[in-house]
């Protein structure tokens, strides 16, 4: 929806997906999410996002890292989120001399589901319900509050949560109980809500904009 002309393939077999993209769709460049640890696929460049918390963590099951930190030495470039003050010496001791870039996240203007894509007709000081099923929902909730939204209720779900009709009803009931005029969510969650339309409450998604410098 946001990248016209770009093919998006979802498959448990990434090699097969890539082969199909090349043979059937004329793809010449592949961009993989979570591809760093996918050793079965050859790649031209590995770009890895590293936070300060990562450098103090452990691989599973002791921590949440999928691989030991020393594999970062294989990265071609690192991206550090804005606000994570990681000393260069700390990165070099783990990752070598890969170039380091900064990433700044900002929230775009919310867009309504109905009418599609229109800015919501709700003032910033109106009560809203924030809900998200992403890796760090609190980050999304706090960003809304920092942007001036009056977040009266927060509903976190597990990452990649697939919403049901019961979930949607609970969201609507919570919004009404808290006097919320609008439900704000992420683009990721939006795609899982669309099959449940018509939605019982006004919902808008907040685009995430990322700048790398």
Protein backbone atom coordinates (compact mmCIF):
# COMPACT_ATOMS: atom_id res chain seq x y z
CA UNK A 1 0.00 0.00 0.00
CA UNK A 2 2.83 2.41 0.80
CA UNK A 3 5.35 1.18 -1.80
CA UNK A 4 3.63 1.06 -5.20
CA UNK A 5 5.30 -1.36 -7.58
CA UNK A 6 7.19 -3.20 -4.82
CA UNK A 7 6.35 -6.87 -4.36
CA UNK A 8 5.88 -8.07 -0.78
CA UNK A 9 6.23 -11.81 -0.28
CA UNK A 10 5.56 -13.70 2.95
CA UNK A 11 6.74 -17.31 3.16
CA UNK A 12 8.28 -19.71 5.65
CA UNK A 13 10.81 -20.63 2.92
CA UNK A 14 12.62 -17.38 2.15
CA UNK A 15 14.78 -18.93 -0.56
CA UNK A 16 11.68 -20.08 -2.42
CA UNK A 17 10.09 -16.64 -2.00
CA UNK A 18 13.19 -14.98 -3.43
CA UNK A 19 13.37 -17.38 -6.36
CA UNK A 20 9.71 -16.73 -7.18
CA UNK A 21 10.22 -12.97 -6.88
CA UNK A 22 13.02 -13.12 -9.43
CA UNK A 23 11.41 -15.60 -11.81
CA UNK A 24 7.82 -14.31 -11.76
CA UNK A 25 8.04 -10.68 -10.64
CA UNK A 26 11.34 -9.51 -12.11
CA UNK A 27 12.87 -8.64 -8.73
CA UNK A 28 16.56 -7.76 -8.72
CA UNK A 29 16.89 -6.50 -5.12
CA UNK A 30 15.69 -8.31 -2.00
CA UNK A 31 15.21 -6.55 1.35
CA UNK A 32 14.75 -8.96 4.26
CA UNK A 33 13.44 -8.19 7.71
CA UNK A 34 15.17 -10.29 10.40
CA UNK A 35 17.56 -11.68 7.81
CA UNK A 36 20.86 -11.36 9.69
CA UNK A 37 20.62 -14.80 11.29
CA UNK A 38 19.25 -16.46 8.14
CA UNK A 39 22.52 -18.11 7.19
CA UNK A 40 21.01 -20.19 4.39
CA UNK A 41 20.70 -17.08 2.21
CA UNK A 42 23.69 -15.32 0.67
CA UNK A 43 23.51 -11.56 0.92
CA UNK A 44 25.39 -8.48 -0.27
CA UNK A 45 24.96 -6.35 2.85
CA UNK A 46 23.91 -6.87 6.48
CA UNK A 47 22.50 -3.81 8.25
CA UNK A 48 21.81 -4.44 11.94
CA UNK A 49 19.94 -2.26 14.45
CA UNK A 50 21.72 -2.28 17.81
CA UNK A 51 20.44 -0.75 21.04
CA UNK A 52 22.22 -0.16 24.32
CA UNK A 53 20.05 -2.87 25.88
CA UNK A 54 21.32 -5.38 23.32
CA UNK A 55 24.91 -4.91 24.43
CA UNK A 56 23.94 -5.82 28.00
CA UNK A 57 21.79 -8.82 27.05
CA UNK A 58 22.42 -12.55 26.59
CA UNK A 59 21.38 -15.09 23.94
CA UNK A 60 18.32 -17.24 24.59
CA UNK A 61 17.42 -18.87 26.93
CA UNK A 62 19.29 -16.59 29.36
CA UNK A 63 18.22 -13.46 27.46
CA UNK A 64 16.36 -12.40 24.32
CA UNK A 65 19.22 -12.26 21.78
CA UNK A 66 19.00 -14.82 18.98
CA UNK A 67 22.78 -15.03 18.61
CA UNK A 68 25.88 -14.03 20.63
CA UNK A 69 27.01 -10.42 20.33
CA UNK A 70 30.27 -11.35 18.64
CA UNK A 71 28.40 -12.18 15.41
CA UNK A 72 27.92 -8.43 14.96
CA UNK A 73 31.47 -8.40 13.67
CA UNK A 74 29.96 -9.80 10.44
CA UNK A 75 27.67 -6.77 9.99
CA UNK A 76 28.40 -4.33 7.16
CA UNK A 77 26.72 -1.42 8.96
CA UNK A 78 25.09 -0.72 12.32
CA UNK A 79 22.10 1.50 13.08
CA UNK A 80 21.69 2.86 16.62
CA UNK A 81 18.31 4.35 17.66
CA UNK A 82 18.30 7.98 18.71
CA UNK A 83 18.52 8.26 22.47
CA UNK A 84 20.75 5.21 22.86
CA UNK A 85 24.10 6.69 23.80
CA UNK A 86 26.47 3.81 23.06
CA UNK A 87 30.17 4.76 23.31
CA UNK A 88 32.03 4.04 20.10
CA UNK A 89 34.59 2.02 22.05
CA UNK A 90 31.81 -0.27 23.30
CA UNK A 91 30.67 -0.91 19.74
CA UNK A 92 34.16 -1.47 18.41
CA UNK A 93 34.94 -4.02 21.11
CA UNK A 94 32.00 -6.09 19.91
CA UNK A 95 31.40 -5.22 16.30
CA UNK A 96 34.72 -4.15 14.82
CA UNK A 97 34.96 -1.13 12.51
CA UNK A 98 31.58 -1.28 10.74
CA UNK A 99 30.15 2.21 10.04
CA UNK A 100 27.54 3.37 12.55
CA UNK A 101 24.42 5.34 11.58
CA UNK A 102 21.76 6.98 13.74
CA UNK A 103 18.04 6.26 13.43
CA UNK A 104 15.36 8.75 14.41
CA UNK A 105 11.74 7.64 14.74
CA UNK A 106 8.87 10.11 14.42
CA UNK A 107 5.12 9.63 14.26
CA UNK A 108 3.24 10.87 11.23
CA UNK A 109 -0.26 12.33 11.08
CA UNK A 110 -2.88 9.73 12.11
CA UNK A 111 -5.11 8.41 9.33
CA UNK A 112 -8.66 7.18 9.78
CA UNK A 113 -9.97 3.81 8.71
CA UNK A 114 -13.35 5.44 7.94
CA UNK A 115 -13.26 7.52 5.82
CA UNK A 116 -10.09 5.86 4.59
CA UNK A 117 -6.92 7.89 5.04
CA UNK A 118 -8.57 11.07 6.29
CA UNK A 119 -7.11 12.83 9.35
CA UNK A 120 -9.35 12.06 12.35
CA UNK A 121 -11.67 14.86 13.36
CA UNK A 122 -10.68 14.61 17.02
CA UNK A 123 -8.82 17.34 18.91
CA UNK A 124 -5.50 16.43 20.53
CA UNK A 125 -6.94 17.03 24.00
CA UNK A 126 -9.71 14.47 23.50
CA UNK A 127 -9.35 11.13 25.28
CA UNK A 128 -8.02 8.32 23.08
CA UNK A 129 -7.33 4.63 23.55
CA UNK A 130 -3.91 3.46 22.41
CA UNK A 131 -3.59 -0.21 21.42
CA UNK A 132 -0.77 -2.14 19.79
CA UNK A 133 0.47 -5.68 19.26
CA UNK A 134 4.13 -4.95 18.59
CA UNK A 135 7.45 -5.79 20.24
CA UNK A 136 7.53 -2.66 22.41
CA UNK A 137 3.97 -1.29 22.73
CA UNK A 138 4.95 1.04 25.58
CA UNK A 139 7.23 2.93 23.17
CA UNK A 140 4.23 3.58 20.91
CA UNK A 141 2.01 4.63 23.82
CA UNK A 142 4.62 7.00 25.26
CA UNK A 143 5.24 8.57 21.85
CA UNK A 144 1.53 9.34 21.48
CA UNK A 145 1.49 11.02 24.88
CA UNK A 146 4.63 12.97 24.02
CA UNK A 147 2.95 14.16 20.81
CA UNK A 148 0.14 15.68 22.85
CA UNK A 149 -2.53 12.99 22.71
CA UNK A 150 -4.46 12.41 25.95
CA UNK A 151 -4.07 8.65 26.25
CA UNK A 152 -6.85 7.65 28.64
CA UNK A 153 -6.43 3.88 28.17
CA UNK A 154 -3.68 1.57 26.93
CA UNK A 155 -4.20 -1.92 25.55
CA UNK A 156 -1.01 -3.88 24.79
CA UNK A 157 -1.18 -7.18 22.90
CA UNK A 158 1.52 -9.73 22.13
CA UNK A 159 3.76 -9.06 19.13
CA UNK A 160 2.16 -10.24 15.86
CA UNK A 161 -1.20 -10.68 17.62
CA UNK A 162 -4.00 -11.64 15.25
CA UNK A 163 -7.15 -9.88 16.36
CA UNK A 164 -10.46 -11.67 16.74
CA UNK A 165 -13.99 -10.37 16.92
CA UNK A 166 -13.84 -10.81 20.70
CA UNK A 167 -10.66 -8.71 20.85
CA UNK A 168 -12.33 -5.98 18.82
CA UNK A 169 -15.35 -5.97 21.11
CA UNK A 170 -13.11 -5.70 24.17
CA UNK A 171 -11.27 -2.79 22.57
CA UNK A 172 -14.57 -1.05 21.83
CA UNK A 173 -15.90 -1.68 25.36
CA UNK A 174 -12.70 -0.35 26.93
CA UNK A 175 -12.74 2.75 24.73
CA UNK A 176 -16.34 3.55 25.62
CA UNK A 177 -15.77 2.93 29.32
CA UNK A 178 -12.82 5.33 29.32
CA UNK A 179 -14.74 7.96 27.34
CA UNK A 180 -12.37 7.71 24.37
CA UNK A 181 -13.37 9.39 21.14
CA UNK A 182 -10.82 7.48 19.07
CA UNK A 183 -8.64 4.37 19.03
CA UNK A 184 -5.06 4.94 17.83
CA UNK A 185 -2.96 2.02 16.64
CA UNK A 186 0.04 1.17 14.46
CA UNK A 187 0.16 0.38 10.76
CA UNK A 188 1.18 -3.18 11.65
CA UNK A 189 -1.95 -3.63 13.77
CA UNK A 190 -4.11 -1.89 11.19
CA UNK A 191 -3.51 -4.66 8.66
CA UNK A 192 -4.82 -7.25 11.13
CA UNK A 193 -7.90 -5.15 11.93
CA UNK A 194 -9.02 -4.53 8.34
CA UNK A 195 -10.56 -8.02 7.84
CA UNK A 196 -12.83 -7.28 10.84
CA UNK A 197 -14.48 -4.22 9.28
CA UNK A 198 -16.87 -2.55 9.90
CA UNK A 199 -15.18 -1.53 13.15
CA UNK A 200 -17.45 -0.69 16.11
CA UNK A 201 -15.43 2.40 17.13
CA UNK A 202 -13.49 5.08 15.23
CA UNK A 203 -9.96 3.81 14.58
CA UNK A 204 -6.94 5.60 13.13
CA UNK A 205 -3.44 4.36 12.46
CA UNK A 206 -0.30 6.38 13.14
CA UNK A 207 2.38 6.06 10.41
CA UNK A 208 5.92 5.54 11.69
CA UNK A 209 8.56 7.60 9.92
CA UNK A 210 12.25 6.68 10.23
CA UNK A 211 15.22 8.83 9.26
CA UNK A 212 18.71 7.34 9.13
CA UNK A 213 21.69 9.68 9.19
